Amino acid sequence: MTFRDILLVILCYLLGSIPFGYILTRRKAGVDIRDHGSGNIGATNVLRTQGKALGAITLVLDFAKAAASVWICRAWGSQPWMDAAGGASAVVGHCFPFALGFRGGKGIASGLGAFLFIAPVPTFIALGVFLLEVLTLRWVSLGSIFAALTFGGVMLGCHLTLDWYTLPASVIGACLSLLLVARHHTNIRNLLRGTESKLWGPGSGRPADAKP
């Protein structure tokens, strides 16, 4: 890993640290998203508290900053696994943005943006697991947890059995999946208590400050 590679990883962290959910809600609604709903800056909390439009824009931008990090490191990195390192660094930046006191999002949209272009097969399988859970049980958090675990396991499996991905990239992907699960620790507690809100229908429990 060269000095330029290190600088690229730092750049990707900074790019991932741009808190689009926080910025958008500040500019459009004049509120601090951290004081509403779950207090998370990610797309799900923006959607639930500020409406579908801001939620969708936040999702796209969080996806895009991680995808851009992948392409930056793929173009300028010295190692074939630098795209995985850059994408993961952007996700870490989203989860722990320095500008917000390292209080960021849960990394699902950014993780999708990063690894869709690195390991598309594991990503699409994980996305299918996510959609299946959300459409049946309606918990975004549980679907995200299942998807993260599926992605890490399938990527490692593809490396070990098919040699599709390098070992460093596979390890980075597996570690990132564990980070995304860990970022849902509050949701896991709520799921165990039976208090986790569903996306729609009975048990959705939208926050009182949510906008239509």
N, C-alpha and C. Protein backbone atom coordinates (compact mmCIF):
# COMPACT_ATOMS: atom_id res chain seq x y z
N MET A 1 0.85 -1.19 0.00
CA MET A 1 0.00 0.00 0.00
C MET A 1 0.89 1.24 0.00
N THR A 2 0.74 2.09 -0.99
CA THR A 2 1.59 3.26 -1.14
C THR A 2 1.03 4.45 -0.35
N PHE A 3 1.84 5.49 -0.28
CA PHE A 3 1.39 6.71 0.38
C PHE A 3 0.18 7.29 -0.33
N ARG A 4 0.17 7.20 -1.66
CA ARG A 4 -1.00 7.69 -2.41
C ARG A 4 -2.24 6.89 -2.05
N ASP A 5 -2.09 5.58 -1.87
CA ASP A 5 -3.22 4.76 -1.47
C ASP A 5 -3.79 5.22 -0.14
N ILE A 6 -2.90 5.53 0.79
CA ILE A 6 -3.35 6.00 2.10
C ILE A 6 -4.12 7.31 1.96
N LEU A 7 -3.61 8.20 1.13
CA LEU A 7 -4.31 9.47 0.90
C LEU A 7 -5.67 9.24 0.26
N LEU A 8 -5.76 8.28 -0.64
CA LEU A 8 -7.03 7.97 -1.29
C LEU A 8 -8.05 7.45 -0.27
N VAL A 9 -7.59 6.60 0.62
CA VAL A 9 -8.50 6.06 1.65
C VAL A 9 -9.00 7.18 2.55
N ILE A 10 -8.10 8.10 2.90
CA ILE A 10 -8.51 9.24 3.72
C ILE A 10 -9.51 10.11 2.97
N LEU A 11 -9.25 10.34 1.68
CA LEU A 11 -10.17 11.11 0.86
C LEU A 11 -11.54 10.46 0.81
N CYS A 12 -11.57 9.14 0.68
CA CYS A 12 -12.85 8.42 0.63
C CYS A 12 -13.58 8.51 1.96
N TYR A 13 -12.84 8.47 3.06
CA TYR A 13 -13.48 8.66 4.36
C TYR A 13 -14.13 10.04 4.44
N LEU A 14 -13.41 11.06 3.99
CA LEU A 14 -13.94 12.43 4.02
C LEU A 14 -15.17 12.56 3.13
N LEU A 15 -15.13 11.92 1.97
CA LEU A 15 -16.27 11.95 1.07
C LEU A 15 -17.47 11.25 1.72
N GLY A 16 -17.21 10.11 2.33
CA GLY A 16 -18.28 9.39 3.01
C GLY A 16 -18.83 10.13 4.21
N SER A 17 -18.01 11.02 4.78
CA SER A 17 -18.42 11.77 5.97
C SER A 17 -19.40 12.90 5.67
N ILE A 18 -19.61 13.21 4.39
CA ILE A 18 -20.57 14.28 4.07
C ILE A 18 -21.96 13.84 4.52
N PRO A 19 -22.55 14.48 5.52
CA PRO A 19 -23.83 14.03 6.09
C PRO A 19 -25.02 14.58 5.32
N PHE A 20 -25.32 13.98 4.19
CA PHE A 20 -26.36 14.52 3.32
C PHE A 20 -27.72 14.59 4.03
N GLY A 21 -28.05 13.59 4.83
CA GLY A 21 -29.33 13.63 5.54
C GLY A 21 -29.41 14.83 6.47
N TYR A 22 -28.33 15.12 7.15
CA TYR A 22 -28.28 16.27 8.06
C TYR A 22 -28.37 17.58 7.26
N ILE A 23 -27.59 17.67 6.18
CA ILE A 23 -27.55 18.89 5.38
C ILE A 23 -28.91 19.17 4.74
N LEU A 24 -29.52 18.16 4.16
CA LEU A 24 -30.80 18.34 3.47
C LEU A 24 -31.90 18.78 4.43
N THR A 25 -31.97 18.13 5.58
CA THR A 25 -33.03 18.50 6.53
C THR A 25 -32.79 19.88 7.13
N ARG A 26 -31.53 20.27 7.28
CA ARG A 26 -31.23 21.61 7.76
C ARG A 26 -31.69 22.66 6.75
N ARG A 27 -31.38 22.41 5.48
CA ARG A 27 -31.68 23.40 4.45
C ARG A 27 -33.15 23.42 4.06
N LYS A 28 -33.78 22.27 3.99
CA LYS A 28 -35.15 22.20 3.49
C LYS A 28 -36.20 22.36 4.60
N ALA A 29 -35.90 21.82 5.78
CA ALA A 29 -36.90 21.85 6.85
C ALA A 29 -36.46 22.68 8.04
N GLY A 30 -35.20 23.11 8.06
CA GLY A 30 -34.72 23.92 9.16
C GLY A 30 -34.61 23.18 10.48
N VAL A 31 -34.42 21.86 10.42
CA VAL A 31 -34.34 21.06 11.64
C VAL A 31 -33.04 20.26 11.66
N ASP A 32 -32.68 19.82 12.85
CA ASP A 32 -31.54 18.91 13.02
C ASP A 32 -32.11 17.50 13.07
N ILE A 33 -31.83 16.70 12.04
CA ILE A 33 -32.40 15.36 11.94
C ILE A 33 -32.03 14.51 13.15
N ARG A 34 -30.94 14.85 13.83
CA ARG A 34 -30.52 14.07 15.00
C ARG A 34 -31.46 14.26 16.19
N ASP A 35 -32.31 15.28 16.12
CA ASP A 35 -33.28 15.52 17.19
C ASP A 35 -34.66 14.95 16.88
N HIS A 36 -34.76 14.19 15.79
CA HIS A 36 -36.06 13.69 15.36
C HIS A 36 -35.99 12.19 15.10
N GLY A 37 -37.12 11.54 15.34
CA GLY A 37 -37.20 10.10 15.09
C GLY A 37 -36.16 9.32 15.88
N SER A 38 -35.41 8.51 15.17
CA SER A 38 -34.38 7.69 15.80
C SER A 38 -33.11 8.46 16.09
N GLY A 39 -33.01 9.70 15.56
CA GLY A 39 -31.79 10.48 15.73
C GLY A 39 -30.71 10.13 14.73
N ASN A 40 -31.04 9.26 13.79
CA ASN A 40 -30.07 8.82 12.79
C ASN A 40 -30.09 9.76 11.59
N ILE A 41 -28.94 9.94 10.92
CA ILE A 41 -28.86 10.85 9.77
C ILE A 41 -29.14 10.15 8.45
N GLY A 42 -29.43 8.86 8.49
CA GLY A 42 -29.61 8.09 7.27
C GLY A 42 -30.96 8.27 6.62
N ALA A 43 -31.12 7.62 5.46
CA ALA A 43 -32.30 7.81 4.62
C ALA A 43 -33.58 7.34 5.29
N THR A 44 -33.53 6.25 6.06
CA THR A 44 -34.75 5.72 6.67
C THR A 44 -35.34 6.72 7.66
N ASN A 45 -34.49 7.30 8.50
CA ASN A 45 -34.99 8.28 9.47
C ASN A 45 -35.46 9.56 8.79
N VAL A 46 -34.76 9.97 7.74
CA VAL A 46 -35.19 11.15 6.99
C VAL A 46 -36.56 10.89 6.37
N LEU A 47 -36.73 9.71 5.79
CA LEU A 47 -38.02 9.36 5.18
C LEU A 47 -39.14 9.38 6.22
N ARG A 48 -38.89 8.78 7.37
CA ARG A 48 -39.94 8.66 8.38
C ARG A 48 -40.30 9.99 9.01
N THR A 49 -39.33 10.90 9.13
CA THR A 49 -39.61 12.15 9.84
C THR A 49 -39.79 13.35 8.93
N GLN A 50 -39.24 13.30 7.71
CA GLN A 50 -39.31 14.46 6.83
C GLN A 50 -39.99 14.19 5.49
N GLY A 51 -40.42 12.97 5.26
CA GLY A 51 -41.16 12.68 4.05
C GLY A 51 -40.37 11.93 3.00
N LYS A 52 -41.11 11.44 2.00
CA LYS A 52 -40.53 10.57 0.99
C LYS A 52 -39.49 11.26 0.11
N ALA A 53 -39.74 12.52 -0.25
CA ALA A 53 -38.84 13.22 -1.18
C ALA A 53 -37.44 13.35 -0.60
N LEU A 54 -37.34 13.91 0.61
CA LEU A 54 -36.03 14.07 1.24
C LEU A 54 -35.40 12.71 1.54
N GLY A 55 -36.22 11.74 1.90
CA GLY A 55 -35.70 10.42 2.16
C GLY A 55 -35.07 9.80 0.92
N ALA A 56 -35.74 9.95 -0.23
CA ALA A 56 -35.22 9.40 -1.48
C ALA A 56 -33.94 10.10 -1.92
N ILE A 57 -33.91 11.43 -1.78
CA ILE A 57 -32.71 12.17 -2.16
C ILE A 57 -31.53 11.78 -1.27
N THR A 58 -31.78 11.63 0.02
CA THR A 58 -30.73 11.21 0.94
C THR A 58 -30.20 9.83 0.56
N LEU A 59 -31.10 8.93 0.23
CA LEU A 59 -30.70 7.58 -0.18
C LEU A 59 -29.78 7.62 -1.40
N VAL A 60 -30.17 8.39 -2.41
CA VAL A 60 -29.38 8.47 -3.64
C VAL A 60 -28.00 9.07 -3.37
N LEU A 61 -27.95 10.13 -2.58
CA LEU A 61 -26.67 10.79 -2.32
C LEU A 61 -25.76 9.93 -1.46
N ASP A 62 -26.30 9.24 -0.47
CA ASP A 62 -25.49 8.35 0.35
C ASP A 62 -24.94 7.19 -0.48
N PHE A 63 -25.77 6.70 -1.40
CA PHE A 63 -25.32 5.67 -2.33
C PHE A 63 -24.20 6.20 -3.22
N ALA A 64 -24.40 7.41 -3.75
CA ALA A 64 -23.48 7.97 -4.73
C ALA A 64 -22.10 8.27 -4.15
N LYS A 65 -22.05 8.74 -2.91
CA LYS A 65 -20.73 9.10 -2.35
C LYS A 65 -19.87 7.86 -2.15
N ALA A 66 -20.49 6.73 -1.82
CA ALA A 66 -19.71 5.50 -1.68
C ALA A 66 -19.32 4.94 -3.04
N ALA A 67 -20.23 5.02 -4.01
CA ALA A 67 -19.92 4.55 -5.36
C ALA A 67 -18.78 5.37 -5.96
N ALA A 68 -18.81 6.68 -5.74
CA ALA A 68 -17.74 7.54 -6.25
C ALA A 68 -16.40 7.16 -5.62
N SER A 69 -16.41 6.81 -4.34
CA SER A 69 -15.18 6.41 -3.66
C SER A 69 -14.59 5.15 -4.28
N VAL A 70 -15.45 4.22 -4.65
CA VAL A 70 -14.99 2.99 -5.31
C VAL A 70 -14.27 3.32 -6.61
N TRP A 71 -14.89 4.18 -7.41
CA TRP A 71 -14.31 4.49 -8.72
C TRP A 71 -13.04 5.33 -8.59
N ILE A 72 -12.97 6.17 -7.60
CA ILE A 72 -11.74 6.94 -7.36
C ILE A 72 -10.57 6.01 -7.07
N CYS A 73 -10.80 5.06 -6.16
CA CYS A 73 -9.71 4.15 -5.79
C CYS A 73 -9.42 3.14 -6.89
N ARG A 74 -10.41 2.79 -7.66
CA ARG A 74 -10.18 1.88 -8.78
C ARG A 74 -9.32 2.56 -9.85
N ALA A 75 -9.52 3.85 -10.02
CA ALA A 75 -8.76 4.58 -11.04
C ALA A 75 -7.35 4.92 -10.59
N TRP A 76 -7.17 5.23 -9.30
CA TRP A 76 -5.90 5.77 -8.83
C TRP A 76 -5.15 4.88 -7.84
N GLY A 77 -5.78 3.83 -7.35
CA GLY A 77 -5.12 2.96 -6.38
C GLY A 77 -4.10 2.05 -7.04
N SER A 78 -3.14 1.60 -6.24
CA SER A 78 -2.06 0.76 -6.77
C SER A 78 -2.35 -0.73 -6.64
N GLN A 79 -3.38 -1.10 -5.90
CA GLN A 79 -3.69 -2.51 -5.68
C GLN A 79 -5.09 -2.83 -6.22
N PRO A 80 -5.31 -4.08 -6.65
CA PRO A 80 -6.62 -4.44 -7.20
C PRO A 80 -7.75 -4.39 -6.17
N TRP A 81 -7.41 -4.43 -4.87
CA TRP A 81 -8.44 -4.40 -3.84
C TRP A 81 -8.66 -3.00 -3.27
N MET A 82 -8.01 -2.00 -3.85
CA MET A 82 -8.15 -0.64 -3.34
C MET A 82 -9.57 -0.11 -3.51
N ASP A 83 -10.30 -0.60 -4.53
CA ASP A 83 -11.68 -0.14 -4.67
C ASP A 83 -12.52 -0.57 -3.47
N ALA A 84 -12.26 -1.79 -2.96
CA ALA A 84 -12.97 -2.25 -1.76
C ALA A 84 -12.57 -1.43 -0.55
N ALA A 85 -11.30 -1.11 -0.44
CA ALA A 85 -10.83 -0.29 0.68
C ALA A 85 -11.44 1.10 0.63
N GLY A 86 -11.52 1.68 -0.57
CA GLY A 86 -12.10 3.01 -0.71
C GLY A 86 -13.58 3.03 -0.40
N GLY A 87 -14.31 2.03 -0.91
CA GLY A 87 -15.74 1.95 -0.63
C GLY A 87 -16.02 1.75 0.84
N ALA A 88 -15.26 0.86 1.47
CA ALA A 88 -15.43 0.62 2.91
C ALA A 88 -15.09 1.86 3.72
N SER A 89 -14.06 2.58 3.30
CA SER A 89 -13.69 3.81 4.00
C SER A 89 -14.80 4.84 3.93
N ALA A 90 -15.47 4.93 2.79
CA ALA A 90 -16.61 5.86 2.66
C ALA A 90 -17.75 5.45 3.58
N VAL A 91 -17.99 4.15 3.71
CA VAL A 91 -19.05 3.68 4.59
C VAL A 91 -18.70 4.00 6.05
N VAL A 92 -17.43 3.80 6.42
CA VAL A 92 -16.99 4.15 7.77
C VAL A 92 -17.18 5.65 8.01
N GLY A 93 -16.88 6.45 6.98
CA GLY A 93 -17.08 7.89 7.10
C GLY A 93 -18.54 8.24 7.32
N HIS A 94 -19.43 7.53 6.63
CA HIS A 94 -20.86 7.78 6.82
C HIS A 94 -21.30 7.40 8.23
N CYS A 95 -20.79 6.29 8.72
CA CYS A 95 -21.18 5.83 10.05
C CYS A 95 -20.58 6.69 11.16
N PHE A 96 -19.36 7.21 10.90
CA PHE A 96 -18.65 7.98 11.93
C PHE A 96 -18.10 9.27 11.33
N PRO A 97 -18.97 10.22 10.95
CA PRO A 97 -18.51 11.48 10.35
C PRO A 97 -17.88 12.40 11.39
N PHE A 98 -16.68 12.84 11.12
CA PHE A 98 -15.97 13.68 12.10
C PHE A 98 -16.69 14.99 12.34
N ALA A 99 -17.36 15.52 11.32
CA ALA A 99 -18.02 16.83 11.45
C ALA A 99 -19.23 16.79 12.39
N LEU A 100 -19.76 15.61 12.64
CA LEU A 100 -20.92 15.47 13.51
C LEU A 100 -20.56 14.71 14.79
N GLY A 101 -19.32 14.82 15.19
CA GLY A 101 -18.89 14.15 16.40
C GLY A 101 -18.92 12.64 16.29
N PHE A 102 -18.72 12.13 15.08
CA PHE A 102 -18.68 10.69 14.80
C PHE A 102 -20.03 10.01 15.09
N ARG A 103 -21.09 10.79 15.00
CA ARG A 103 -22.44 10.26 15.19
C ARG A 103 -23.14 10.28 13.83
N GLY A 104 -23.09 9.16 13.14
CA GLY A 104 -23.59 9.14 11.77
C GLY A 104 -24.68 8.12 11.55
N GLY A 105 -24.75 7.64 10.32
CA GLY A 105 -25.80 6.71 9.93
C GLY A 105 -25.40 5.27 10.14
N LYS A 106 -26.22 4.37 9.60
CA LYS A 106 -25.99 2.94 9.80
C LYS A 106 -25.31 2.28 8.61
N GLY A 107 -25.18 3.00 7.50
CA GLY A 107 -24.30 2.56 6.43
C GLY A 107 -24.88 1.65 5.38
N ILE A 108 -26.17 1.38 5.42
CA ILE A 108 -26.73 0.43 4.46
C ILE A 108 -26.73 0.99 3.04
N ALA A 109 -27.23 2.21 2.85
CA ALA A 109 -27.25 2.80 1.51
C ALA A 109 -25.84 2.99 0.97
N SER A 110 -24.94 3.45 1.83
CA SER A 110 -23.54 3.63 1.41
C SER A 110 -22.89 2.28 1.12
N GLY A 111 -23.20 1.28 1.93
CA GLY A 111 -22.66 -0.05 1.68
C GLY A 111 -23.12 -0.60 0.34
N LEU A 112 -24.38 -0.36 0.01
CA LEU A 112 -24.90 -0.78 -1.29
C LEU A 112 -24.17 -0.05 -2.41
N GLY A 113 -23.97 1.26 -2.25
CA GLY A 113 -23.27 2.02 -3.27
C GLY A 113 -21.84 1.58 -3.46
N ALA A 114 -21.21 1.14 -2.38
CA ALA A 114 -19.81 0.70 -2.48
C ALA A 114 -19.69 -0.65 -3.15
N PHE A 115 -20.41 -1.64 -2.67
CA PHE A 115 -20.13 -3.02 -3.10
C PHE A 115 -20.97 -3.50 -4.26
N LEU A 116 -21.93 -2.70 -4.69
CA LEU A 116 -22.65 -3.08 -5.91
C LEU A 116 -21.69 -3.15 -7.09
N PHE A 117 -20.67 -2.29 -7.09
CA PHE A 117 -19.72 -2.23 -8.20
C PHE A 117 -18.47 -3.04 -7.95
N ILE A 118 -18.35 -3.62 -6.77
CA ILE A 118 -17.19 -4.45 -6.44
C ILE A 118 -17.56 -5.93 -6.50
N ALA A 119 -18.67 -6.26 -5.87
CA ALA A 119 -19.13 -7.65 -5.81
C ALA A 119 -20.63 -7.68 -6.11
N PRO A 120 -21.01 -7.53 -7.36
CA PRO A 120 -22.44 -7.41 -7.70
C PRO A 120 -23.27 -8.63 -7.36
N VAL A 121 -22.74 -9.83 -7.53
CA VAL A 121 -23.54 -11.04 -7.25
C VAL A 121 -23.90 -11.12 -5.77
N PRO A 122 -22.92 -11.04 -4.84
CA PRO A 122 -23.30 -11.04 -3.41
C PRO A 122 -24.22 -9.87 -3.05
N THR A 123 -24.01 -8.73 -3.69
CA THR A 123 -24.84 -7.56 -3.39
C THR A 123 -26.29 -7.79 -3.81
N PHE A 124 -26.50 -8.34 -5.00
CA PHE A 124 -27.87 -8.58 -5.47
C PHE A 124 -28.55 -9.68 -4.64
N ILE A 125 -27.79 -10.68 -4.23
CA ILE A 125 -28.37 -11.72 -3.37
C ILE A 125 -28.78 -11.10 -2.04
N ALA A 126 -27.91 -10.26 -1.47
CA ALA A 126 -28.23 -9.58 -0.21
C ALA A 126 -29.43 -8.66 -0.38
N LEU A 127 -29.50 -7.96 -1.51
CA LEU A 127 -30.64 -7.08 -1.77
C LEU A 127 -31.94 -7.88 -1.86
N GLY A 128 -31.86 -9.07 -2.46
CA GLY A 128 -33.03 -9.92 -2.53
C GLY A 128 -33.50 -10.36 -1.15
N VAL A 129 -32.55 -10.68 -0.29
CA VAL A 129 -32.89 -11.05 1.10
C VAL A 129 -33.55 -9.87 1.81
N PHE A 130 -33.00 -8.69 1.60
CA PHE A 130 -33.56 -7.48 2.21
C PHE A 130 -35.00 -7.26 1.76
N LEU A 131 -35.24 -7.31 0.46
CA LEU A 131 -36.58 -7.07 -0.06
C LEU A 131 -37.57 -8.13 0.41
N LEU A 132 -37.13 -9.38 0.46
CA LEU A 132 -38.00 -10.45 0.92
C LEU A 132 -38.43 -10.21 2.37
N GLU A 133 -37.49 -9.82 3.22
CA GLU A 133 -37.83 -9.57 4.62
C GLU A 133 -38.75 -8.37 4.76
N VAL A 134 -38.42 -7.29 4.05
CA VAL A 134 -39.22 -6.06 4.17
C VAL A 134 -40.63 -6.28 3.65
N LEU A 135 -40.78 -7.00 2.56
CA LEU A 135 -42.11 -7.22 1.99
C LEU A 135 -42.96 -8.19 2.81
N THR A 136 -42.32 -9.02 3.63
CA THR A 136 -43.07 -9.99 4.42
C THR A 136 -43.22 -9.54 5.88
N LEU A 137 -42.11 -9.21 6.52
CA LEU A 137 -42.14 -8.85 7.94
C LEU A 137 -42.15 -7.34 8.18
N ARG A 138 -41.73 -6.55 7.18
CA ARG A 138 -41.83 -5.09 7.18
C ARG A 138 -40.89 -4.38 8.15
N TRP A 139 -39.83 -5.04 8.59
CA TRP A 139 -38.81 -4.38 9.41
C TRP A 139 -37.62 -4.04 8.53
N VAL A 140 -37.37 -2.76 8.33
CA VAL A 140 -36.21 -2.33 7.55
C VAL A 140 -34.92 -2.74 8.26
N SER A 141 -34.89 -2.59 9.56
CA SER A 141 -33.69 -2.90 10.33
C SER A 141 -33.33 -4.37 10.24
N LEU A 142 -34.31 -5.25 10.41
CA LEU A 142 -34.03 -6.69 10.35
C LEU A 142 -33.62 -7.10 8.94
N GLY A 143 -34.28 -6.50 7.94
CA GLY A 143 -33.88 -6.78 6.56
C GLY A 143 -32.46 -6.34 6.29
N SER A 144 -32.08 -5.19 6.86
CA SER A 144 -30.71 -4.69 6.68
C SER A 144 -29.69 -5.62 7.35
N ILE A 145 -30.03 -6.11 8.53
CA ILE A 145 -29.13 -7.03 9.25
C ILE A 145 -28.96 -8.33 8.46
N PHE A 146 -30.08 -8.89 8.02
CA PHE A 146 -30.01 -10.11 7.23
C PHE A 146 -29.20 -9.90 5.95
N ALA A 147 -29.42 -8.76 5.30
CA ALA A 147 -28.73 -8.47 4.05
C ALA A 147 -27.23 -8.34 4.27
N ALA A 148 -26.84 -7.64 5.34
CA ALA A 148 -25.41 -7.46 5.64
C ALA A 148 -24.73 -8.80 5.89
N LEU A 149 -25.36 -9.65 6.69
CA LEU A 149 -24.78 -10.96 6.98
C LEU A 149 -24.72 -11.83 5.71
N THR A 150 -25.76 -11.74 4.91
CA THR A 150 -25.78 -12.50 3.66
C THR A 150 -24.66 -12.06 2.74
N PHE A 151 -24.50 -10.74 2.61
CA PHE A 151 -23.46 -10.22 1.73
C PHE A 151 -22.08 -10.71 2.14
N GLY A 152 -21.74 -10.55 3.42
CA GLY A 152 -20.42 -10.96 3.89
C GLY A 152 -20.17 -12.44 3.68
N GLY A 153 -21.18 -13.27 3.99
CA GLY A 153 -21.02 -14.70 3.83
C GLY A 153 -20.89 -15.13 2.38
N VAL A 154 -21.71 -14.54 1.50
CA VAL A 154 -21.67 -14.91 0.08
C VAL A 154 -20.37 -14.44 -0.56
N MET A 155 -19.88 -13.25 -0.19
CA MET A 155 -18.64 -12.77 -0.77
C MET A 155 -17.46 -13.65 -0.38
N LEU A 156 -17.40 -14.02 0.89
CA LEU A 156 -16.34 -14.94 1.32
C LEU A 156 -16.48 -16.29 0.63
N GLY A 157 -17.72 -16.77 0.50
CA GLY A 157 -17.94 -18.03 -0.17
C GLY A 157 -17.51 -18.00 -1.63
N CYS A 158 -17.80 -16.90 -2.31
CA CYS A 158 -17.40 -16.76 -3.71
C CYS A 158 -15.87 -16.74 -3.84
N HIS A 159 -15.20 -16.13 -2.88
CA HIS A 159 -13.73 -16.14 -2.91
C HIS A 159 -13.19 -17.54 -2.70
N LEU A 160 -13.73 -18.25 -1.71
CA LEU A 160 -13.19 -19.55 -1.34
C LEU A 160 -13.50 -20.63 -2.37
N THR A 161 -14.67 -20.56 -2.99
CA THR A 161 -15.09 -21.64 -3.90
C THR A 161 -14.88 -21.30 -5.37
N LEU A 162 -15.02 -20.04 -5.72
CA LEU A 162 -14.96 -19.64 -7.13
C LEU A 162 -13.78 -18.73 -7.46
N ASP A 163 -13.11 -18.23 -6.42
CA ASP A 163 -11.97 -17.33 -6.59
C ASP A 163 -12.36 -16.08 -7.40
N TRP A 164 -13.59 -15.59 -7.14
CA TRP A 164 -14.08 -14.43 -7.88
C TRP A 164 -13.45 -13.13 -7.39
N TYR A 165 -13.17 -13.06 -6.09
CA TYR A 165 -12.68 -11.82 -5.50
C TYR A 165 -11.38 -12.10 -4.74
N THR A 166 -10.54 -11.08 -4.64
CA THR A 166 -9.29 -11.25 -3.92
C THR A 166 -9.56 -11.46 -2.44
N LEU A 167 -8.61 -12.07 -1.74
CA LEU A 167 -8.77 -12.28 -0.31
C LEU A 167 -8.90 -10.95 0.45
N PRO A 168 -8.05 -9.93 0.16
CA PRO A 168 -8.22 -8.66 0.88
C PRO A 168 -9.61 -8.05 0.68
N ALA A 169 -10.10 -8.06 -0.56
CA ALA A 169 -11.42 -7.49 -0.82
C ALA A 169 -12.50 -8.27 -0.10
N SER A 170 -12.39 -9.60 -0.06
CA SER A 170 -13.39 -10.43 0.61
C SER A 170 -13.38 -10.19 2.12
N VAL A 171 -12.20 -10.05 2.69
CA VAL A 171 -12.10 -9.79 4.13
C VAL A 171 -12.67 -8.41 4.45
N ILE A 172 -12.36 -7.43 3.60
CA ILE A 172 -12.92 -6.08 3.80
C ILE A 172 -14.44 -6.13 3.74
N GLY A 173 -14.98 -6.86 2.77
CA GLY A 173 -16.43 -6.97 2.65
C GLY A 173 -17.06 -7.64 3.85
N ALA A 174 -16.42 -8.71 4.36
CA ALA A 174 -16.95 -9.41 5.52
C ALA A 174 -16.89 -8.53 6.76
N CYS A 175 -15.79 -7.82 6.95
CA CYS A 175 -15.66 -6.92 8.11
C CYS A 175 -16.69 -5.79 8.03
N LEU A 176 -16.91 -5.29 6.82
CA LEU A 176 -17.89 -4.22 6.66
C LEU A 176 -19.29 -4.72 7.01
N SER A 177 -19.61 -5.94 6.63
CA SER A 177 -20.93 -6.48 6.94
C SER A 177 -21.13 -6.58 8.45
N LEU A 178 -20.08 -6.94 9.18
CA LEU A 178 -20.18 -7.01 10.65
C LEU A 178 -20.35 -5.62 11.24
N LEU A 179 -19.68 -4.62 10.64
CA LEU A 179 -19.84 -3.24 11.11
C LEU A 179 -21.30 -2.80 10.93
N LEU A 180 -21.89 -3.11 9.79
CA LEU A 180 -23.27 -2.70 9.53
C LEU A 180 -24.23 -3.36 10.51
N VAL A 181 -23.97 -4.61 10.85
CA VAL A 181 -24.81 -5.28 11.85
C VAL A 181 -24.64 -4.59 13.20
N ALA A 182 -23.39 -4.29 13.57
CA ALA A 182 -23.13 -3.64 14.85
C ALA A 182 -23.79 -2.27 14.93
N ARG A 183 -23.89 -1.58 13.81
CA ARG A 183 -24.53 -0.26 13.80
C ARG A 183 -26.03 -0.35 14.08
N HIS A 184 -26.58 -1.54 14.02
CA HIS A 184 -28.01 -1.73 14.29
C HIS A 184 -28.24 -2.26 15.71
N HIS A 185 -27.30 -2.00 16.62
CA HIS A 185 -27.42 -2.57 17.97
C HIS A 185 -28.70 -2.10 18.67
N THR A 186 -29.07 -0.84 18.46
CA THR A 186 -30.30 -0.34 19.08
C THR A 186 -31.52 -1.05 18.50
N ASN A 187 -31.52 -1.24 17.19
CA ASN A 187 -32.63 -1.94 16.54
C ASN A 187 -32.73 -3.38 17.02
N ILE A 188 -31.58 -4.01 17.23
CA ILE A 188 -31.59 -5.40 17.70
C ILE A 188 -32.24 -5.48 19.07
N ARG A 189 -31.90 -4.53 19.95
CA ARG A 189 -32.54 -4.50 21.27
C ARG A 189 -34.05 -4.29 21.14
N ASN A 190 -34.44 -3.38 20.25
CA ASN A 190 -35.87 -3.13 20.06
C ASN A 190 -36.59 -4.35 19.49
N LEU A 191 -35.94 -5.06 18.58
CA LEU A 191 -36.53 -6.26 18.01
C LEU A 191 -36.74 -7.32 19.10
N LEU A 192 -35.76 -7.47 19.96
CA LEU A 192 -35.87 -8.45 21.04
C LEU A 192 -36.96 -8.07 22.03
N ARG A 193 -37.15 -6.77 22.20
CA ARG A 193 -38.20 -6.29 23.12
C ARG A 193 -39.59 -6.24 22.48
N GLY A 194 -39.62 -6.36 21.15
CA GLY A 194 -40.89 -6.26 20.44
C GLY A 194 -41.35 -4.84 20.23
N THR A 195 -40.43 -3.87 20.28
CA THR A 195 -40.80 -2.46 20.15
C THR A 195 -40.29 -1.82 18.86
N GLU A 196 -39.69 -2.60 17.98
CA GLU A 196 -39.15 -2.04 16.74
C GLU A 196 -40.29 -1.68 15.78
N SER A 197 -40.24 -0.47 15.22
CA SER A 197 -41.28 -0.01 14.29
C SER A 197 -41.14 -0.69 12.93
N LYS A 198 -42.27 -1.01 12.33
CA LYS A 198 -42.29 -1.56 10.99
C LYS A 198 -42.44 -0.43 9.98
N LEU A 199 -42.16 -0.77 8.72
CA LEU A 199 -42.14 0.27 7.69
C LEU A 199 -43.53 0.78 7.37
N TRP A 200 -44.54 -0.09 7.38
CA TRP A 200 -45.91 0.33 7.12
C TRP A 200 -46.86 -0.66 7.78
N GLY A 201 -48.11 -0.30 7.80
CA GLY A 201 -49.13 -1.17 8.35
C GLY A 201 -49.09 -1.24 9.87
N PRO A 202 -49.76 -2.25 10.47
CA PRO A 202 -49.78 -2.40 11.93
C PRO A 202 -48.36 -2.47 12.49
N GLY A 203 -48.12 -1.67 13.52
CA GLY A 203 -46.80 -1.67 14.14
C GLY A 203 -45.82 -0.72 13.50
N SER A 204 -46.31 0.10 12.53
CA SER A 204 -45.38 1.02 11.87
C SER A 204 -44.92 2.11 12.81
N GLY A 205 -45.82 2.64 13.62
CA GLY A 205 -45.47 3.58 14.68
C GLY A 205 -44.61 4.73 14.21
N ARG A 206 -45.04 5.49 13.21
CA ARG A 206 -44.27 6.63 12.73
C ARG A 206 -44.10 7.64 13.86
N PRO A 207 -42.92 8.28 13.94
CA PRO A 207 -42.70 9.26 14.98
C PRO A 207 -43.72 10.39 14.92
N ALA A 208 -43.99 10.98 16.06
CA ALA A 208 -44.98 12.05 16.13
C ALA A 208 -44.59 13.26 15.31
N ASP A 209 -43.29 13.47 15.08
CA ASP A 209 -42.84 14.63 14.32
C ASP A 209 -42.67 14.33 12.85
N ALA A 210 -43.12 13.16 12.41
CA ALA A 210 -42.96 12.80 11.01
C ALA A 210 -43.88 13.64 10.14
N LYS A 211 -43.41 13.91 8.93
CA LYS A 211 -44.21 14.65 7.96
C LYS A 211 -44.74 13.70 6.92
N PRO A 212 -45.89 13.96 6.30
CA PRO A 212 -46.46 13.08 5.30
C PRO A 212 -45.64 13.09 4.02
